[in-house]
Amino acid sequence: MNNFSTTAKHLLMIALGLGACLSMTLDAHHSTNANFTQEIVSVEGTIERVRFVNPHASVLIRHVDAEGQEIFWLIESGARTTLERQGVTLEHLEIGSTVTATGRKGRRDFTMYLQKITYEDGTEFIPQPELN
């Protein structure tokens, strides 16, 4: 019986250790589906800041609502390396450009996952066409 309880304790410790490792791994990176809904939204504004980094590039857009209030939208996209493989560069996301961003609405206020950006002249920038 003593052997069984020692073995059971070891198995329990291993299970707890694996569970802890798995939970750390799951916290390390989030799922797009966990943070963004399927609802498509659009917001017009000015590109204020661009983070062209891994694991997610992002664009901060300043939107002015009907009451004149400034609202900053955080627009998330794919990883820099993924975007670069598709030919995307920072030139596509020039600070000061007036754009309309369209994408999946975030579960947090004023966030979205980018599907496309439409510039004032009507041209479109689609960072990950295979996801649309």
N, C-alpha and C. Protein backbone atom coordinates (compact mmCIF):
# COMPACT_ATOMS: atom_id res chain seq x y z
N MET A 1 0.82 -1.19 0.00
CA MET A 1 0.00 0.00 0.00
C MET A 1 0.86 1.25 0.00
N ASN A 2 1.98 1.20 0.70
CA ASN A 2 2.88 2.33 0.74
C ASN A 2 3.41 2.66 -0.65
N ASN A 3 3.73 1.63 -1.46
CA ASN A 3 4.19 1.83 -2.84
C ASN A 3 3.12 2.54 -3.66
N PHE A 4 1.85 2.12 -3.47
CA PHE A 4 0.75 2.71 -4.23
C PHE A 4 0.61 4.19 -3.90
N SER A 5 0.67 4.56 -2.63
CA SER A 5 0.49 5.95 -2.25
C SER A 5 1.66 6.80 -2.74
N THR A 6 2.87 6.25 -2.76
CA THR A 6 4.02 6.97 -3.29
C THR A 6 3.87 7.17 -4.79
N THR A 7 3.44 6.15 -5.51
CA THR A 7 3.22 6.25 -6.94
C THR A 7 2.10 7.25 -7.23
N ALA A 8 1.03 7.18 -6.47
CA ALA A 8 -0.09 8.10 -6.67
C ALA A 8 0.36 9.54 -6.43
N LYS A 9 1.17 9.76 -5.40
CA LYS A 9 1.68 11.10 -5.12
C LYS A 9 2.54 11.60 -6.28
N HIS A 10 3.39 10.73 -6.83
CA HIS A 10 4.25 11.12 -7.96
C HIS A 10 3.41 11.47 -9.19
N LEU A 11 2.39 10.64 -9.45
CA LEU A 11 1.51 10.92 -10.59
C LEU A 11 0.76 12.24 -10.40
N LEU A 12 0.31 12.49 -9.18
CA LEU A 12 -0.39 13.73 -8.89
C LEU A 12 0.55 14.92 -9.09
N MET A 13 1.78 14.81 -8.63
CA MET A 13 2.75 15.89 -8.79
C MET A 13 3.04 16.14 -10.27
N ILE A 14 3.17 15.07 -11.05
CA ILE A 14 3.42 15.20 -12.48
C ILE A 14 2.22 15.88 -13.16
N ALA A 15 1.02 15.44 -12.81
CA ALA A 15 -0.20 16.02 -13.40
C ALA A 15 -0.31 17.51 -13.06
N LEU A 16 -0.03 17.86 -11.81
CA LEU A 16 -0.09 19.27 -11.41
C LEU A 16 0.98 20.09 -12.14
N GLY A 17 2.15 19.51 -12.29
CA GLY A 17 3.23 20.20 -13.01
C GLY A 17 2.88 20.42 -14.47
N LEU A 18 2.32 19.39 -15.11
CA LEU A 18 1.92 19.53 -16.51
C LEU A 18 0.79 20.54 -16.65
N GLY A 19 -0.14 20.53 -15.70
CA GLY A 19 -1.23 21.50 -15.73
C GLY A 19 -0.72 22.92 -15.60
N ALA A 20 0.25 23.12 -14.72
CA ALA A 20 0.82 24.45 -14.56
C ALA A 20 1.55 24.90 -15.82
N CYS A 21 2.30 23.99 -16.43
CA CYS A 21 3.00 24.31 -17.67
C CYS A 21 2.02 24.64 -18.79
N LEU A 22 0.96 23.86 -18.89
CA LEU A 22 -0.04 24.09 -19.93
C LEU A 22 -0.72 25.44 -19.73
N SER A 23 -1.07 25.79 -18.49
CA SER A 23 -1.74 27.06 -18.26
C SER A 23 -0.81 28.23 -18.57
N MET A 24 0.50 28.10 -18.29
CA MET A 24 1.44 29.16 -18.65
C MET A 24 1.55 29.29 -20.16
N THR A 25 1.54 28.18 -20.86
CA THR A 25 1.61 28.21 -22.31
C THR A 25 0.37 28.87 -22.89
N LEU A 26 -0.80 28.55 -22.36
CA LEU A 26 -2.03 29.14 -22.86
C LEU A 26 -2.08 30.64 -22.59
N ASP A 27 -1.54 31.09 -21.47
CA ASP A 27 -1.52 32.51 -21.16
C ASP A 27 -0.50 33.26 -22.01
N ALA A 28 0.49 32.58 -22.53
CA ALA A 28 1.56 33.24 -23.26
C ALA A 28 1.09 33.83 -24.58
N HIS A 29 0.07 33.25 -25.19
CA HIS A 29 -0.42 33.76 -26.45
C HIS A 29 -1.93 33.60 -26.49
N HIS A 30 -2.61 34.60 -27.01
CA HIS A 30 -4.07 34.55 -27.01
C HIS A 30 -4.61 34.22 -28.39
N SER A 31 -5.79 33.69 -28.40
CA SER A 31 -6.47 33.34 -29.63
C SER A 31 -7.21 34.56 -30.16
N THR A 32 -7.22 34.72 -31.47
CA THR A 32 -7.98 35.80 -32.08
C THR A 32 -9.46 35.66 -31.73
N ASN A 33 -9.97 34.43 -31.75
CA ASN A 33 -11.38 34.21 -31.44
C ASN A 33 -11.72 34.55 -29.99
N ALA A 34 -10.76 34.44 -29.10
CA ALA A 34 -11.02 34.75 -27.70
C ALA A 34 -11.16 36.26 -27.47
N ASN A 35 -10.50 37.07 -28.29
CA ASN A 35 -10.48 38.51 -28.07
C ASN A 35 -11.32 39.32 -29.05
N PHE A 36 -11.79 38.69 -30.13
CA PHE A 36 -12.53 39.41 -31.15
C PHE A 36 -13.78 38.63 -31.53
N THR A 37 -14.87 39.37 -31.79
CA THR A 37 -16.13 38.75 -32.16
C THR A 37 -16.15 38.54 -33.67
N GLN A 38 -17.24 37.99 -34.18
CA GLN A 38 -17.41 37.83 -35.62
C GLN A 38 -18.04 39.07 -36.25
N GLU A 39 -18.48 40.02 -35.43
CA GLU A 39 -19.11 41.25 -35.93
C GLU A 39 -18.06 42.12 -36.64
N ILE A 40 -18.40 42.58 -37.85
CA ILE A 40 -17.50 43.43 -38.62
C ILE A 40 -17.87 44.89 -38.37
N VAL A 41 -16.86 45.69 -38.02
CA VAL A 41 -17.07 47.13 -37.78
C VAL A 41 -16.06 47.92 -38.60
N SER A 42 -16.38 49.19 -38.81
CA SER A 42 -15.47 50.11 -39.50
C SER A 42 -15.34 51.37 -38.68
N VAL A 43 -14.16 51.97 -38.72
CA VAL A 43 -13.92 53.22 -38.03
C VAL A 43 -13.02 54.09 -38.91
N GLU A 44 -13.38 55.37 -39.01
CA GLU A 44 -12.59 56.31 -39.79
C GLU A 44 -11.75 57.14 -38.83
N GLY A 45 -10.52 57.42 -39.23
CA GLY A 45 -9.67 58.23 -38.38
C GLY A 45 -8.29 58.41 -38.97
N THR A 46 -7.39 58.90 -38.14
CA THR A 46 -6.02 59.19 -38.54
C THR A 46 -5.07 58.22 -37.86
N ILE A 47 -4.15 57.67 -38.63
CA ILE A 47 -3.14 56.77 -38.05
C ILE A 47 -2.23 57.60 -37.15
N GLU A 48 -2.20 57.25 -35.87
CA GLU A 48 -1.39 57.96 -34.88
C GLU A 48 -0.07 57.23 -34.57
N ARG A 49 -0.14 55.91 -34.53
CA ARG A 49 1.04 55.13 -34.15
C ARG A 49 0.95 53.76 -34.79
N VAL A 50 2.11 53.20 -35.12
CA VAL A 50 2.18 51.87 -35.70
C VAL A 50 3.22 51.07 -34.92
N ARG A 51 2.84 49.86 -34.53
CA ARG A 51 3.78 48.92 -33.90
C ARG A 51 3.92 47.76 -34.87
N PHE A 52 5.03 47.71 -35.56
CA PHE A 52 5.28 46.67 -36.56
C PHE A 52 6.19 45.64 -35.92
N VAL A 53 5.58 44.77 -35.06
CA VAL A 53 6.35 43.85 -34.21
C VAL A 53 5.69 42.48 -34.20
N ASN A 54 6.37 41.52 -33.59
CA ASN A 54 5.81 40.20 -33.32
C ASN A 54 5.36 40.17 -31.87
N PRO A 55 4.36 39.45 -31.46
CA PRO A 55 3.59 38.50 -32.25
C PRO A 55 2.45 39.15 -33.03
N HIS A 56 2.14 40.44 -32.76
CA HIS A 56 1.06 41.12 -33.50
C HIS A 56 1.47 42.54 -33.80
N ALA A 57 1.31 42.93 -35.05
CA ALA A 57 1.46 44.33 -35.42
C ALA A 57 0.17 45.03 -35.01
N SER A 58 0.26 46.34 -34.76
CA SER A 58 -0.96 47.07 -34.41
C SER A 58 -0.86 48.50 -34.90
N VAL A 59 -2.03 49.10 -35.07
CA VAL A 59 -2.15 50.48 -35.51
C VAL A 59 -3.08 51.18 -34.53
N LEU A 60 -2.70 52.38 -34.11
CA LEU A 60 -3.55 53.18 -33.24
C LEU A 60 -4.17 54.26 -34.12
N ILE A 61 -5.50 54.29 -34.16
CA ILE A 61 -6.22 55.25 -35.00
C ILE A 61 -7.01 56.20 -34.10
N ARG A 62 -6.85 57.50 -34.37
CA ARG A 62 -7.60 58.53 -33.64
C ARG A 62 -8.88 58.83 -34.42
N HIS A 63 -10.01 58.56 -33.80
CA HIS A 63 -11.32 58.80 -34.39
C HIS A 63 -11.98 59.94 -33.62
N VAL A 64 -12.64 60.85 -34.32
CA VAL A 64 -13.40 61.91 -33.66
C VAL A 64 -14.87 61.61 -33.90
N ASP A 65 -15.63 61.41 -32.80
CA ASP A 65 -17.03 61.05 -32.93
C ASP A 65 -17.90 62.27 -33.23
N ALA A 66 -19.22 62.06 -33.36
CA ALA A 66 -20.16 63.12 -33.73
C ALA A 66 -20.18 64.27 -32.71
N GLU A 67 -19.84 63.98 -31.46
CA GLU A 67 -19.81 65.02 -30.42
C GLU A 67 -18.45 65.71 -30.32
N GLY A 68 -17.53 65.33 -31.17
CA GLY A 68 -16.20 65.95 -31.16
C GLY A 68 -15.22 65.30 -30.20
N GLN A 69 -15.62 64.19 -29.59
CA GLN A 69 -14.74 63.48 -28.66
C GLN A 69 -13.72 62.63 -29.43
N GLU A 70 -12.46 62.67 -29.00
CA GLU A 70 -11.44 61.81 -29.59
C GLU A 70 -11.52 60.43 -28.97
N ILE A 71 -11.53 59.42 -29.82
CA ILE A 71 -11.53 58.03 -29.37
C ILE A 71 -10.38 57.34 -30.09
N PHE A 72 -9.55 56.68 -29.33
CA PHE A 72 -8.42 55.97 -29.92
C PHE A 72 -8.75 54.48 -30.04
N TRP A 73 -8.66 53.98 -31.25
CA TRP A 73 -8.93 52.57 -31.55
C TRP A 73 -7.62 51.83 -31.71
N LEU A 74 -7.50 50.68 -31.06
CA LEU A 74 -6.35 49.81 -31.22
C LEU A 74 -6.72 48.74 -32.24
N ILE A 75 -6.04 48.75 -33.37
CA ILE A 75 -6.33 47.84 -34.47
C ILE A 75 -5.19 46.83 -34.54
N GLU A 76 -5.50 45.58 -34.25
CA GLU A 76 -4.49 44.52 -34.22
C GLU A 76 -4.45 43.78 -35.55
N SER A 77 -3.24 43.31 -35.89
CA SER A 77 -3.07 42.55 -37.13
C SER A 77 -2.16 41.37 -36.86
N GLY A 78 -1.73 40.70 -37.92
CA GLY A 78 -0.86 39.55 -37.78
C GLY A 78 0.56 39.93 -37.38
N ALA A 79 1.40 38.94 -37.24
CA ALA A 79 2.79 39.13 -36.83
C ALA A 79 3.58 39.85 -37.92
N ARG A 80 4.57 40.61 -37.49
CA ARG A 80 5.43 41.34 -38.43
C ARG A 80 6.03 40.39 -39.46
N THR A 81 6.54 39.26 -39.02
CA THR A 81 7.18 38.33 -39.95
C THR A 81 6.20 37.81 -40.98
N THR A 82 4.97 37.52 -40.56
CA THR A 82 3.93 37.07 -41.50
C THR A 82 3.62 38.17 -42.51
N LEU A 83 3.46 39.39 -42.01
CA LEU A 83 3.15 40.51 -42.90
C LEU A 83 4.30 40.77 -43.88
N GLU A 84 5.54 40.71 -43.40
CA GLU A 84 6.69 40.95 -44.28
C GLU A 84 6.77 39.91 -45.39
N ARG A 85 6.44 38.65 -45.07
CA ARG A 85 6.44 37.60 -46.10
C ARG A 85 5.43 37.90 -47.21
N GLN A 86 4.39 38.66 -46.86
CA GLN A 86 3.36 39.03 -47.84
C GLN A 86 3.68 40.36 -48.52
N GLY A 87 4.85 40.94 -48.22
CA GLY A 87 5.25 42.17 -48.86
C GLY A 87 4.79 43.44 -48.17
N VAL A 88 4.24 43.31 -46.97
CA VAL A 88 3.78 44.49 -46.23
C VAL A 88 4.97 45.18 -45.59
N THR A 89 5.01 46.50 -45.70
CA THR A 89 6.05 47.30 -45.05
C THR A 89 5.38 48.44 -44.29
N LEU A 90 6.17 49.18 -43.54
CA LEU A 90 5.64 50.32 -42.81
C LEU A 90 5.09 51.39 -43.75
N GLU A 91 5.53 51.41 -44.99
CA GLU A 91 5.03 52.40 -45.95
C GLU A 91 3.53 52.26 -46.15
N HIS A 92 2.98 51.08 -45.94
CA HIS A 92 1.55 50.87 -46.07
C HIS A 92 0.76 51.54 -44.94
N LEU A 93 1.45 51.87 -43.85
CA LEU A 93 0.78 52.38 -42.65
C LEU A 93 1.40 53.71 -42.23
N GLU A 94 1.31 54.70 -43.08
CA GLU A 94 1.97 55.98 -42.84
C GLU A 94 1.23 56.78 -41.76
N ILE A 95 1.98 57.21 -40.75
CA ILE A 95 1.41 58.01 -39.67
C ILE A 95 0.89 59.32 -40.26
N GLY A 96 -0.31 59.72 -39.84
CA GLY A 96 -0.95 60.93 -40.33
C GLY A 96 -1.95 60.68 -41.45
N SER A 97 -1.94 59.46 -42.01
CA SER A 97 -2.90 59.13 -43.08
C SER A 97 -4.31 59.02 -42.51
N THR A 98 -5.27 59.57 -43.25
CA THR A 98 -6.68 59.40 -42.90
C THR A 98 -7.16 58.13 -43.57
N VAL A 99 -7.72 57.23 -42.77
CA VAL A 99 -8.10 55.90 -43.26
C VAL A 99 -9.43 55.47 -42.67
N THR A 100 -9.99 54.43 -43.25
CA THR A 100 -11.11 53.71 -42.65
C THR A 100 -10.63 52.28 -42.43
N ALA A 101 -10.62 51.86 -41.18
CA ALA A 101 -10.21 50.50 -40.84
C ALA A 101 -11.46 49.65 -40.67
N THR A 102 -11.42 48.45 -41.22
CA THR A 102 -12.53 47.51 -41.12
C THR A 102 -12.00 46.19 -40.58
N GLY A 103 -12.74 45.61 -39.65
CA GLY A 103 -12.30 44.33 -39.10
C GLY A 103 -13.27 43.78 -38.08
N ARG A 104 -12.82 42.73 -37.41
CA ARG A 104 -13.62 42.05 -36.39
C ARG A 104 -13.58 42.85 -35.09
N LYS A 105 -14.76 43.19 -34.60
CA LYS A 105 -14.88 43.98 -33.38
C LYS A 105 -14.27 43.24 -32.20
N GLY A 106 -13.53 43.99 -31.38
CA GLY A 106 -12.93 43.41 -30.19
C GLY A 106 -13.92 43.23 -29.06
N ARG A 107 -13.61 42.34 -28.16
CA ARG A 107 -14.43 42.16 -26.97
C ARG A 107 -14.19 43.31 -25.98
N ARG A 108 -13.03 43.95 -26.08
CA ARG A 108 -12.76 45.16 -25.31
C ARG A 108 -13.18 46.35 -26.16
N ASP A 109 -13.61 47.43 -25.52
CA ASP A 109 -14.02 48.63 -26.25
C ASP A 109 -12.89 49.16 -27.13
N PHE A 110 -13.28 49.63 -28.31
CA PHE A 110 -12.38 50.33 -29.22
C PHE A 110 -11.18 49.50 -29.66
N THR A 111 -11.44 48.22 -29.90
CA THR A 111 -10.41 47.34 -30.45
C THR A 111 -11.02 46.57 -31.62
N MET A 112 -10.17 46.19 -32.56
CA MET A 112 -10.61 45.35 -33.67
C MET A 112 -9.42 44.59 -34.23
N TYR A 113 -9.73 43.49 -34.94
CA TYR A 113 -8.71 42.73 -35.66
C TYR A 113 -8.85 43.10 -37.12
N LEU A 114 -7.81 43.66 -37.68
CA LEU A 114 -7.84 44.28 -39.01
C LEU A 114 -8.09 43.30 -40.14
N GLN A 115 -9.05 43.66 -41.00
CA GLN A 115 -9.26 42.96 -42.26
C GLN A 115 -8.74 43.81 -43.41
N LYS A 116 -9.03 45.14 -43.36
CA LYS A 116 -8.52 46.02 -44.41
C LYS A 116 -8.52 47.46 -43.94
N ILE A 117 -7.68 48.25 -44.60
CA ILE A 117 -7.66 49.69 -44.42
C ILE A 117 -7.94 50.30 -45.78
N THR A 118 -8.87 51.26 -45.81
CA THR A 118 -9.18 51.97 -47.04
C THR A 118 -8.67 53.40 -46.88
N TYR A 119 -7.86 53.84 -47.84
CA TYR A 119 -7.29 55.19 -47.82
C TYR A 119 -8.26 56.18 -48.45
N GLU A 120 -8.00 57.47 -48.26
CA GLU A 120 -8.88 58.53 -48.78
C GLU A 120 -9.08 58.43 -50.29
N ASP A 121 -8.06 57.97 -51.01
CA ASP A 121 -8.17 57.89 -52.47
C ASP A 121 -8.90 56.62 -52.93
N GLY A 122 -9.36 55.81 -51.98
CA GLY A 122 -10.12 54.61 -52.32
C GLY A 122 -9.28 53.35 -52.43
N THR A 123 -7.95 53.47 -52.40
CA THR A 123 -7.12 52.27 -52.44
C THR A 123 -7.25 51.52 -51.12
N GLU A 124 -7.07 50.21 -51.20
CA GLU A 124 -7.21 49.37 -50.02
C GLU A 124 -5.92 48.64 -49.70
N PHE A 125 -5.69 48.47 -48.44
CA PHE A 125 -4.57 47.70 -47.92
C PHE A 125 -5.17 46.52 -47.16
N ILE A 126 -4.91 45.30 -47.64
CA ILE A 126 -5.42 44.09 -46.99
C ILE A 126 -4.21 43.29 -46.53
N PRO A 127 -3.90 43.34 -45.22
CA PRO A 127 -2.67 42.73 -44.73
C PRO A 127 -2.61 41.22 -44.83
N GLN A 128 -3.72 40.53 -44.65
CA GLN A 128 -3.73 39.07 -44.66
C GLN A 128 -4.92 38.59 -45.48
N PRO A 129 -4.83 38.67 -46.81
CA PRO A 129 -5.99 38.34 -47.65
C PRO A 129 -6.52 36.94 -47.45
N GLU A 130 -5.66 35.99 -47.07
CA GLU A 130 -6.13 34.60 -46.91
C GLU A 130 -7.04 34.44 -45.70
N LEU A 131 -7.08 35.41 -44.80
CA LEU A 131 -7.95 35.32 -43.61
C LEU A 131 -9.31 35.95 -43.84
N ASN A 132 -9.50 36.66 -44.92
CA ASN A 132 -10.77 37.38 -45.19
C ASN A 132 -11.75 36.53 -45.94
